[in-house]
Amino acid sequence: MALTKVTGSGVEGITNLSNATFLSVDASEVATLLTSAVINSEGGAVTTNIAQGVAKMWCTHSQAASYTLDDSFNVASIADNGAGETTITFTSSPSNANYSVTQGTGHNNRFAISNAPNTTRVKCEIYEIDAVGNAIDSADVCTTVHGDLA
């Protein structure tokens, strides 16, 4: 695909005042946006920063039996630390440990907590509680991280 720079003349709504490039496409047709790129919100009243608004890591995995990583983005590995406890190691590190972690599972009687996050990994605890009150591994665990990548 060829990409041609269009100047502001003759195209409605496009200006070339600063000669800035907000979108580039390389020879393999990979598009890159500046980190300051914004889009209109769903209601159109405000704008959303694209880089700030997307998840920086997510995964679905099962703690039960084989402890498998079902699908993921920006996850180098997962490790079983005991009943309901998982360490998720990032492929690309966040810029700091002040990111937001959201966890969940599709099962009842669960407890979730993010423990001592840092820039290489996040430790997650998500338990199911059995009939006698013991913490046990959960299937179908989901974890998402929002924050800034380094």
N, C-alpha and C. Protein backbone atom coordinates (compact mmCIF):
# COMPACT_ATOMS: atom_id res chain seq x y z
N MET A 1 0.84 -1.16 0.00
CA MET A 1 0.00 0.00 0.00
C MET A 1 0.88 1.23 0.00
N ALA A 2 0.63 2.13 -0.87
CA ALA A 2 1.37 3.38 -0.92
C ALA A 2 0.66 4.43 -0.08
N LEU A 3 1.43 5.20 0.64
CA LEU A 3 0.88 6.29 1.43
C LEU A 3 1.51 7.57 0.95
N THR A 4 0.69 8.51 0.60
CA THR A 4 1.17 9.78 0.08
C THR A 4 0.81 10.87 1.06
N LYS A 5 1.76 11.76 1.36
CA LYS A 5 1.47 12.88 2.22
C LYS A 5 0.58 13.84 1.45
N VAL A 6 -0.51 14.24 2.09
CA VAL A 6 -1.45 15.15 1.47
C VAL A 6 -1.31 16.49 2.15
N THR A 7 -1.15 17.52 1.36
CA THR A 7 -1.09 18.86 1.95
C THR A 7 -2.51 19.34 2.18
N GLY A 8 -2.66 20.39 2.95
CA GLY A 8 -3.97 20.89 3.31
C GLY A 8 -4.77 21.45 2.16
N SER A 9 -4.15 21.81 1.11
CA SER A 9 -4.89 22.44 0.02
C SER A 9 -5.75 21.43 -0.72
N GLY A 10 -7.00 21.74 -0.86
CA GLY A 10 -7.90 20.92 -1.65
C GLY A 10 -8.56 19.77 -0.92
N VAL A 11 -8.17 19.50 0.34
CA VAL A 11 -8.79 18.42 1.09
C VAL A 11 -9.43 19.03 2.33
N GLU A 12 -10.72 18.90 2.46
CA GLU A 12 -11.46 19.51 3.55
C GLU A 12 -11.06 18.92 4.89
N GLY A 13 -10.82 19.77 5.88
CA GLY A 13 -10.54 19.33 7.25
C GLY A 13 -9.11 18.93 7.53
N ILE A 14 -8.22 19.03 6.56
CA ILE A 14 -6.81 18.68 6.78
C ILE A 14 -5.98 19.93 6.62
N THR A 15 -5.12 20.18 7.63
CA THR A 15 -4.21 21.32 7.53
C THR A 15 -2.79 20.82 7.62
N ASN A 16 -1.88 21.62 7.18
CA ASN A 16 -0.47 21.26 7.16
C ASN A 16 0.34 22.38 7.82
N LEU A 17 -0.23 22.97 8.87
CA LEU A 17 0.40 24.14 9.47
C LEU A 17 1.75 23.83 10.09
N SER A 18 1.87 22.72 10.78
CA SER A 18 3.13 22.43 11.46
C SER A 18 3.96 21.40 10.72
N ASN A 19 3.45 20.90 9.61
CA ASN A 19 4.14 19.86 8.83
C ASN A 19 4.43 18.65 9.70
N ALA A 20 3.54 18.35 10.65
CA ALA A 20 3.74 17.24 11.59
C ALA A 20 3.20 15.94 11.00
N THR A 21 3.85 14.86 11.36
CA THR A 21 3.41 13.54 10.95
C THR A 21 2.82 12.84 12.16
N PHE A 22 1.55 12.48 12.12
CA PHE A 22 0.93 11.77 13.22
C PHE A 22 0.73 10.30 12.88
N LEU A 23 0.91 9.94 11.61
CA LEU A 23 0.74 8.57 11.16
C LEU A 23 1.85 8.24 10.18
N SER A 24 2.51 7.10 10.39
CA SER A 24 3.49 6.64 9.43
C SER A 24 3.21 5.17 9.12
N VAL A 25 3.54 4.77 7.90
CA VAL A 25 3.36 3.39 7.47
C VAL A 25 4.68 2.94 6.86
N ASP A 26 5.24 1.83 7.39
CA ASP A 26 6.52 1.36 6.87
C ASP A 26 6.33 0.46 5.65
N ALA A 27 7.41 -0.06 5.12
CA ALA A 27 7.36 -0.86 3.89
C ALA A 27 6.55 -2.14 4.06
N SER A 28 6.45 -2.65 5.28
CA SER A 28 5.65 -3.86 5.51
C SER A 28 4.20 -3.53 5.84
N GLU A 29 3.83 -2.27 5.66
CA GLU A 29 2.46 -1.78 5.86
C GLU A 29 2.01 -1.79 7.31
N VAL A 30 2.96 -1.62 8.23
CA VAL A 30 2.64 -1.46 9.64
C VAL A 30 2.44 0.02 9.91
N ALA A 31 1.27 0.37 10.45
CA ALA A 31 0.96 1.77 10.75
C ALA A 31 1.38 2.10 12.18
N THR A 32 1.96 3.28 12.35
CA THR A 32 2.37 3.76 13.66
C THR A 32 1.75 5.13 13.89
N LEU A 33 1.07 5.28 15.05
CA LEU A 33 0.51 6.57 15.45
C LEU A 33 1.40 7.18 16.50
N LEU A 34 1.45 8.50 16.57
CA LEU A 34 2.14 9.16 17.66
C LEU A 34 1.43 8.83 18.96
N THR A 35 2.15 8.86 20.08
CA THR A 35 1.53 8.58 21.37
C THR A 35 0.52 9.64 21.76
N SER A 36 0.53 10.79 21.10
CA SER A 36 -0.44 11.84 21.41
C SER A 36 -1.69 11.76 20.53
N ALA A 37 -1.81 10.71 19.71
CA ALA A 37 -2.97 10.57 18.82
C ALA A 37 -4.25 10.41 19.65
N VAL A 38 -5.30 11.09 19.24
CA VAL A 38 -6.57 11.04 19.94
C VAL A 38 -7.69 10.70 18.98
N ILE A 39 -8.77 10.17 19.53
CA ILE A 39 -10.00 9.93 18.78
C ILE A 39 -11.16 10.52 19.57
N ASN A 40 -12.25 10.79 18.89
CA ASN A 40 -13.44 11.27 19.58
C ASN A 40 -14.02 10.15 20.43
N SER A 41 -14.57 10.52 21.58
CA SER A 41 -15.23 9.54 22.44
C SER A 41 -16.48 9.01 21.75
N GLU A 42 -17.04 7.96 22.31
CA GLU A 42 -18.23 7.35 21.72
C GLU A 42 -19.37 8.35 21.58
N GLY A 43 -19.50 9.25 22.56
CA GLY A 43 -20.55 10.26 22.51
C GLY A 43 -20.13 11.51 21.75
N GLY A 44 -18.83 11.64 21.45
CA GLY A 44 -18.33 12.76 20.68
C GLY A 44 -18.04 14.01 21.49
N ALA A 45 -18.30 13.99 22.80
CA ALA A 45 -18.13 15.19 23.61
C ALA A 45 -16.67 15.45 23.99
N VAL A 46 -15.86 14.41 24.09
CA VAL A 46 -14.46 14.55 24.48
C VAL A 46 -13.60 13.69 23.57
N THR A 47 -12.29 13.80 23.72
CA THR A 47 -11.39 12.95 22.96
C THR A 47 -10.73 11.95 23.90
N THR A 48 -10.29 10.84 23.36
CA THR A 48 -9.60 9.80 24.10
C THR A 48 -8.20 9.63 23.51
N ASN A 49 -7.18 9.64 24.36
CA ASN A 49 -5.82 9.38 23.92
C ASN A 49 -5.68 7.89 23.63
N ILE A 50 -5.33 7.55 22.42
CA ILE A 50 -5.29 6.14 22.01
C ILE A 50 -4.25 5.35 22.81
N ALA A 51 -3.04 5.88 22.96
CA ALA A 51 -1.99 5.14 23.67
C ALA A 51 -2.33 4.94 25.14
N GLN A 52 -2.94 5.94 25.78
CA GLN A 52 -3.27 5.83 27.19
C GLN A 52 -4.46 4.91 27.44
N GLY A 53 -5.33 4.76 26.46
CA GLY A 53 -6.58 4.06 26.69
C GLY A 53 -6.59 2.57 26.47
N VAL A 54 -5.53 2.00 25.94
CA VAL A 54 -5.54 0.56 25.65
C VAL A 54 -4.85 -0.24 26.75
N ALA A 55 -5.24 -1.50 26.88
CA ALA A 55 -4.61 -2.38 27.87
C ALA A 55 -3.16 -2.62 27.49
N LYS A 56 -2.29 -2.62 28.47
CA LYS A 56 -0.86 -2.85 28.23
C LYS A 56 -0.47 -4.31 28.43
N MET A 57 -1.33 -5.07 29.10
CA MET A 57 -1.14 -6.51 29.26
C MET A 57 -2.50 -7.11 29.58
N TRP A 58 -2.76 -8.28 29.03
CA TRP A 58 -3.96 -9.05 29.41
C TRP A 58 -3.68 -10.52 29.20
N CYS A 59 -4.36 -11.34 29.97
CA CYS A 59 -4.24 -12.77 29.76
C CYS A 59 -5.44 -13.50 30.35
N THR A 60 -5.68 -14.67 29.81
CA THR A 60 -6.64 -15.62 30.38
C THR A 60 -5.86 -16.91 30.61
N HIS A 61 -6.06 -17.48 31.78
CA HIS A 61 -5.35 -18.73 32.09
C HIS A 61 -6.14 -19.55 33.09
N SER A 62 -5.74 -20.78 33.22
CA SER A 62 -6.35 -21.68 34.19
C SER A 62 -5.30 -22.03 35.24
N GLN A 63 -5.66 -21.90 36.49
CA GLN A 63 -4.77 -22.31 37.57
C GLN A 63 -4.92 -23.81 37.86
N ALA A 64 -6.06 -24.36 37.48
CA ALA A 64 -6.37 -25.76 37.79
C ALA A 64 -5.54 -26.71 36.92
N ALA A 65 -5.20 -27.83 37.48
CA ALA A 65 -4.52 -28.95 36.79
C ALA A 65 -3.24 -28.51 36.09
N SER A 66 -3.27 -28.29 34.78
CA SER A 66 -2.05 -28.06 34.00
C SER A 66 -1.54 -26.63 34.05
N TYR A 67 -2.26 -25.71 34.66
CA TYR A 67 -1.85 -24.32 34.78
C TYR A 67 -1.47 -23.74 33.42
N THR A 68 -2.44 -23.61 32.55
CA THR A 68 -2.20 -23.22 31.17
C THR A 68 -2.54 -21.76 30.91
N LEU A 69 -1.75 -21.13 30.03
CA LEU A 69 -2.01 -19.79 29.53
C LEU A 69 -2.83 -19.96 28.27
N ASP A 70 -4.09 -19.54 28.31
CA ASP A 70 -4.99 -19.75 27.18
C ASP A 70 -4.76 -18.74 26.06
N ASP A 71 -4.66 -17.46 26.40
CA ASP A 71 -4.41 -16.41 25.42
C ASP A 71 -3.83 -15.23 26.17
N SER A 72 -3.06 -14.39 25.46
CA SER A 72 -2.42 -13.29 26.18
C SER A 72 -1.90 -12.23 25.24
N PHE A 73 -1.57 -11.08 25.82
CA PHE A 73 -0.87 -9.99 25.15
C PHE A 73 0.14 -9.44 26.15
N ASN A 74 1.39 -9.31 25.73
CA ASN A 74 2.49 -8.78 26.54
C ASN A 74 2.76 -9.62 27.79
N VAL A 75 2.62 -10.94 27.67
CA VAL A 75 2.91 -11.86 28.77
C VAL A 75 4.06 -12.77 28.34
N ALA A 76 5.16 -12.72 29.08
CA ALA A 76 6.29 -13.59 28.79
C ALA A 76 6.08 -14.97 29.39
N SER A 77 5.53 -15.01 30.62
CA SER A 77 5.30 -16.30 31.29
C SER A 77 4.36 -16.12 32.47
N ILE A 78 3.83 -17.24 32.92
CA ILE A 78 3.07 -17.28 34.16
C ILE A 78 3.66 -18.37 35.03
N ALA A 79 3.55 -18.21 36.34
CA ALA A 79 4.08 -19.21 37.27
C ALA A 79 3.06 -19.47 38.37
N ASP A 80 2.98 -20.72 38.78
CA ASP A 80 2.09 -21.16 39.86
C ASP A 80 2.84 -21.00 41.17
N ASN A 81 2.29 -20.15 42.07
CA ASN A 81 2.93 -19.92 43.37
C ASN A 81 2.18 -20.60 44.52
N GLY A 82 1.22 -21.45 44.22
CA GLY A 82 0.42 -22.09 45.25
C GLY A 82 -1.05 -21.91 44.94
N ALA A 83 -1.89 -22.35 45.83
CA ALA A 83 -3.34 -22.32 45.60
C ALA A 83 -3.81 -20.89 45.33
N GLY A 84 -4.27 -20.65 44.12
CA GLY A 84 -4.82 -19.36 43.74
C GLY A 84 -3.83 -18.25 43.52
N GLU A 85 -2.54 -18.54 43.55
CA GLU A 85 -1.52 -17.50 43.42
C GLU A 85 -0.73 -17.67 42.13
N THR A 86 -0.62 -16.57 41.38
CA THR A 86 0.03 -16.57 40.07
C THR A 86 0.99 -15.40 39.96
N THR A 87 2.15 -15.62 39.36
CA THR A 87 3.04 -14.53 38.96
C THR A 87 2.98 -14.44 37.44
N ILE A 88 2.67 -13.24 36.96
CA ILE A 88 2.63 -12.98 35.52
C ILE A 88 3.80 -12.05 35.20
N THR A 89 4.70 -12.51 34.31
CA THR A 89 5.87 -11.74 33.92
C THR A 89 5.60 -11.05 32.59
N PHE A 90 5.89 -9.75 32.53
CA PHE A 90 5.67 -8.96 31.33
C PHE A 90 6.71 -9.24 30.26
N THR A 91 6.33 -9.16 29.01
CA THR A 91 7.28 -9.18 27.90
C THR A 91 7.93 -7.81 27.79
N SER A 92 7.12 -6.75 27.74
CA SER A 92 7.59 -5.36 27.74
C SER A 92 7.18 -4.73 29.06
N SER A 93 8.15 -4.12 29.73
CA SER A 93 7.92 -3.61 31.09
C SER A 93 7.15 -2.30 31.12
N PRO A 94 6.33 -2.11 32.16
CA PRO A 94 5.73 -0.80 32.40
C PRO A 94 6.81 0.19 32.83
N SER A 95 6.52 1.48 32.70
CA SER A 95 7.50 2.50 33.08
C SER A 95 7.62 2.65 34.60
N ASN A 96 6.59 2.20 35.33
CA ASN A 96 6.64 2.24 36.79
C ASN A 96 5.65 1.21 37.33
N ALA A 97 5.60 1.07 38.64
CA ALA A 97 4.72 0.06 39.25
C ALA A 97 3.36 0.63 39.62
N ASN A 98 3.03 1.82 39.13
CA ASN A 98 1.76 2.46 39.46
C ASN A 98 0.69 2.18 38.41
N TYR A 99 0.60 0.95 37.97
CA TYR A 99 -0.40 0.57 36.98
C TYR A 99 -1.62 -0.03 37.68
N SER A 100 -2.69 -0.14 36.94
CA SER A 100 -3.94 -0.68 37.46
C SER A 100 -4.09 -2.13 37.02
N VAL A 101 -4.45 -3.00 37.95
CA VAL A 101 -4.65 -4.42 37.66
C VAL A 101 -6.11 -4.77 37.93
N THR A 102 -6.74 -5.39 36.95
CA THR A 102 -8.11 -5.88 37.12
C THR A 102 -8.09 -7.39 36.92
N GLN A 103 -8.73 -8.11 37.82
CA GLN A 103 -8.76 -9.57 37.74
C GLN A 103 -10.17 -10.09 37.92
N GLY A 104 -10.41 -11.25 37.42
CA GLY A 104 -11.70 -11.87 37.62
C GLY A 104 -11.70 -13.31 37.16
N THR A 105 -12.76 -13.99 37.49
CA THR A 105 -12.98 -15.36 37.06
C THR A 105 -14.47 -15.56 36.90
N GLY A 106 -14.85 -16.51 36.11
CA GLY A 106 -16.26 -16.74 35.85
C GLY A 106 -16.94 -17.59 36.91
N HIS A 107 -16.27 -17.84 38.00
CA HIS A 107 -16.81 -18.74 39.02
C HIS A 107 -17.23 -17.98 40.27
N ASN A 108 -18.07 -18.58 41.08
CA ASN A 108 -18.55 -17.97 42.31
C ASN A 108 -17.52 -18.13 43.43
N ASN A 109 -17.77 -17.44 44.54
CA ASN A 109 -16.93 -17.54 45.74
C ASN A 109 -15.47 -17.26 45.43
N ARG A 110 -15.17 -16.07 44.96
CA ARG A 110 -13.80 -15.76 44.58
C ARG A 110 -13.30 -14.53 45.34
N PHE A 111 -11.99 -14.42 45.43
CA PHE A 111 -11.32 -13.32 46.08
C PHE A 111 -10.13 -12.96 45.20
N ALA A 112 -9.96 -11.68 44.88
CA ALA A 112 -8.86 -11.26 44.00
C ALA A 112 -8.08 -10.12 44.62
N ILE A 113 -6.76 -10.18 44.46
CA ILE A 113 -5.90 -9.10 44.94
C ILE A 113 -4.63 -9.09 44.09
N SER A 114 -4.10 -7.90 43.83
CA SER A 114 -2.82 -7.75 43.17
C SER A 114 -1.80 -7.46 44.26
N ASN A 115 -0.69 -8.19 44.25
CA ASN A 115 0.24 -8.15 45.35
C ASN A 115 1.61 -7.66 44.88
N ALA A 116 2.10 -6.57 45.45
CA ALA A 116 3.45 -6.05 45.22
C ALA A 116 3.81 -5.94 43.74
N PRO A 117 3.06 -5.14 42.97
CA PRO A 117 3.41 -4.99 41.55
C PRO A 117 4.76 -4.32 41.38
N ASN A 118 5.49 -4.70 40.34
CA ASN A 118 6.72 -4.00 39.98
C ASN A 118 6.81 -3.96 38.46
N THR A 119 7.93 -3.53 37.91
CA THR A 119 8.01 -3.33 36.46
C THR A 119 8.38 -4.57 35.67
N THR A 120 8.58 -5.71 36.32
CA THR A 120 8.87 -6.93 35.58
C THR A 120 7.75 -7.95 35.65
N ARG A 121 6.93 -7.86 36.72
CA ARG A 121 5.88 -8.85 36.90
C ARG A 121 4.81 -8.32 37.84
N VAL A 122 3.67 -9.00 37.83
CA VAL A 122 2.63 -8.72 38.80
C VAL A 122 2.23 -10.05 39.44
N LYS A 123 2.08 -10.05 40.75
CA LYS A 123 1.63 -11.25 41.45
C LYS A 123 0.13 -11.10 41.69
N CYS A 124 -0.61 -12.11 41.29
CA CYS A 124 -2.06 -12.07 41.42
C CYS A 124 -2.54 -13.23 42.28
N GLU A 125 -3.49 -12.92 43.11
CA GLU A 125 -4.11 -13.95 43.94
C GLU A 125 -5.60 -13.93 43.64
N ILE A 126 -6.09 -15.00 43.09
CA ILE A 126 -7.52 -15.11 42.83
C ILE A 126 -7.95 -16.51 43.22
N TYR A 127 -8.74 -16.59 44.25
CA TYR A 127 -9.10 -17.86 44.84
C TYR A 127 -10.56 -18.18 44.62
N GLU A 128 -10.82 -19.45 44.49
CA GLU A 128 -12.17 -19.94 44.68
C GLU A 128 -12.18 -20.53 46.09
N ILE A 129 -13.31 -20.48 46.73
CA ILE A 129 -13.43 -21.02 48.09
C ILE A 129 -14.28 -22.29 48.00
N ASP A 130 -13.72 -23.40 48.50
CA ASP A 130 -14.47 -24.66 48.44
C ASP A 130 -15.53 -24.72 49.54
N ALA A 131 -16.24 -25.81 49.62
CA ALA A 131 -17.38 -25.96 50.53
C ALA A 131 -17.00 -25.83 52.00
N VAL A 132 -15.74 -26.10 52.34
CA VAL A 132 -15.33 -26.01 53.74
C VAL A 132 -14.49 -24.77 54.03
N GLY A 133 -14.39 -23.85 53.04
CA GLY A 133 -13.72 -22.59 53.26
C GLY A 133 -12.26 -22.53 52.88
N ASN A 134 -11.75 -23.53 52.17
CA ASN A 134 -10.35 -23.53 51.75
C ASN A 134 -10.19 -22.80 50.42
N ALA A 135 -9.06 -22.10 50.26
CA ALA A 135 -8.73 -21.47 48.99
C ALA A 135 -8.26 -22.54 48.02
N ILE A 136 -8.81 -22.52 46.81
CA ILE A 136 -8.41 -23.48 45.78
C ILE A 136 -8.16 -22.74 44.47
N ASP A 137 -7.43 -23.38 43.56
CA ASP A 137 -7.18 -22.82 42.23
C ASP A 137 -8.47 -22.60 41.48
N SER A 138 -8.45 -21.64 40.57
CA SER A 138 -9.63 -21.30 39.78
C SER A 138 -9.34 -21.53 38.30
N ALA A 139 -10.35 -21.93 37.56
CA ALA A 139 -10.23 -22.01 36.10
C ALA A 139 -10.71 -20.69 35.52
N ASP A 140 -10.34 -20.40 34.29
CA ASP A 140 -10.81 -19.23 33.56
C ASP A 140 -10.51 -17.91 34.28
N VAL A 141 -9.27 -17.69 34.66
CA VAL A 141 -8.86 -16.45 35.31
C VAL A 141 -8.51 -15.43 34.23
N CYS A 142 -8.93 -14.18 34.44
CA CYS A 142 -8.63 -13.09 33.51
C CYS A 142 -7.92 -11.98 34.27
N THR A 143 -6.84 -11.45 33.70
CA THR A 143 -6.09 -10.35 34.30
C THR A 143 -5.79 -9.32 33.23
N THR A 144 -5.97 -8.05 33.57
CA THR A 144 -5.69 -6.94 32.64
C THR A 144 -4.91 -5.87 33.38
N VAL A 145 -3.92 -5.27 32.69
CA VAL A 145 -3.13 -4.17 33.25
C VAL A 145 -3.29 -2.96 32.35
N HIS A 146 -3.58 -1.80 32.98
CA HIS A 146 -3.58 -0.51 32.30
C HIS A 146 -2.52 0.36 32.95
N GLY A 147 -1.75 1.06 32.16
CA GLY A 147 -0.71 1.94 32.67
C GLY A 147 0.17 2.38 31.52
N ASP A 148 1.38 2.82 31.83
CA ASP A 148 2.31 3.29 30.82
C ASP A 148 3.42 2.27 30.61
N LEU A 149 3.72 1.97 29.36
CA LEU A 149 4.88 1.12 29.07
C LEU A 149 6.13 1.97 29.03
N ALA A 150 7.27 1.35 29.36
CA ALA A 150 8.54 2.06 29.37
C ALA A 150 8.93 2.50 27.98
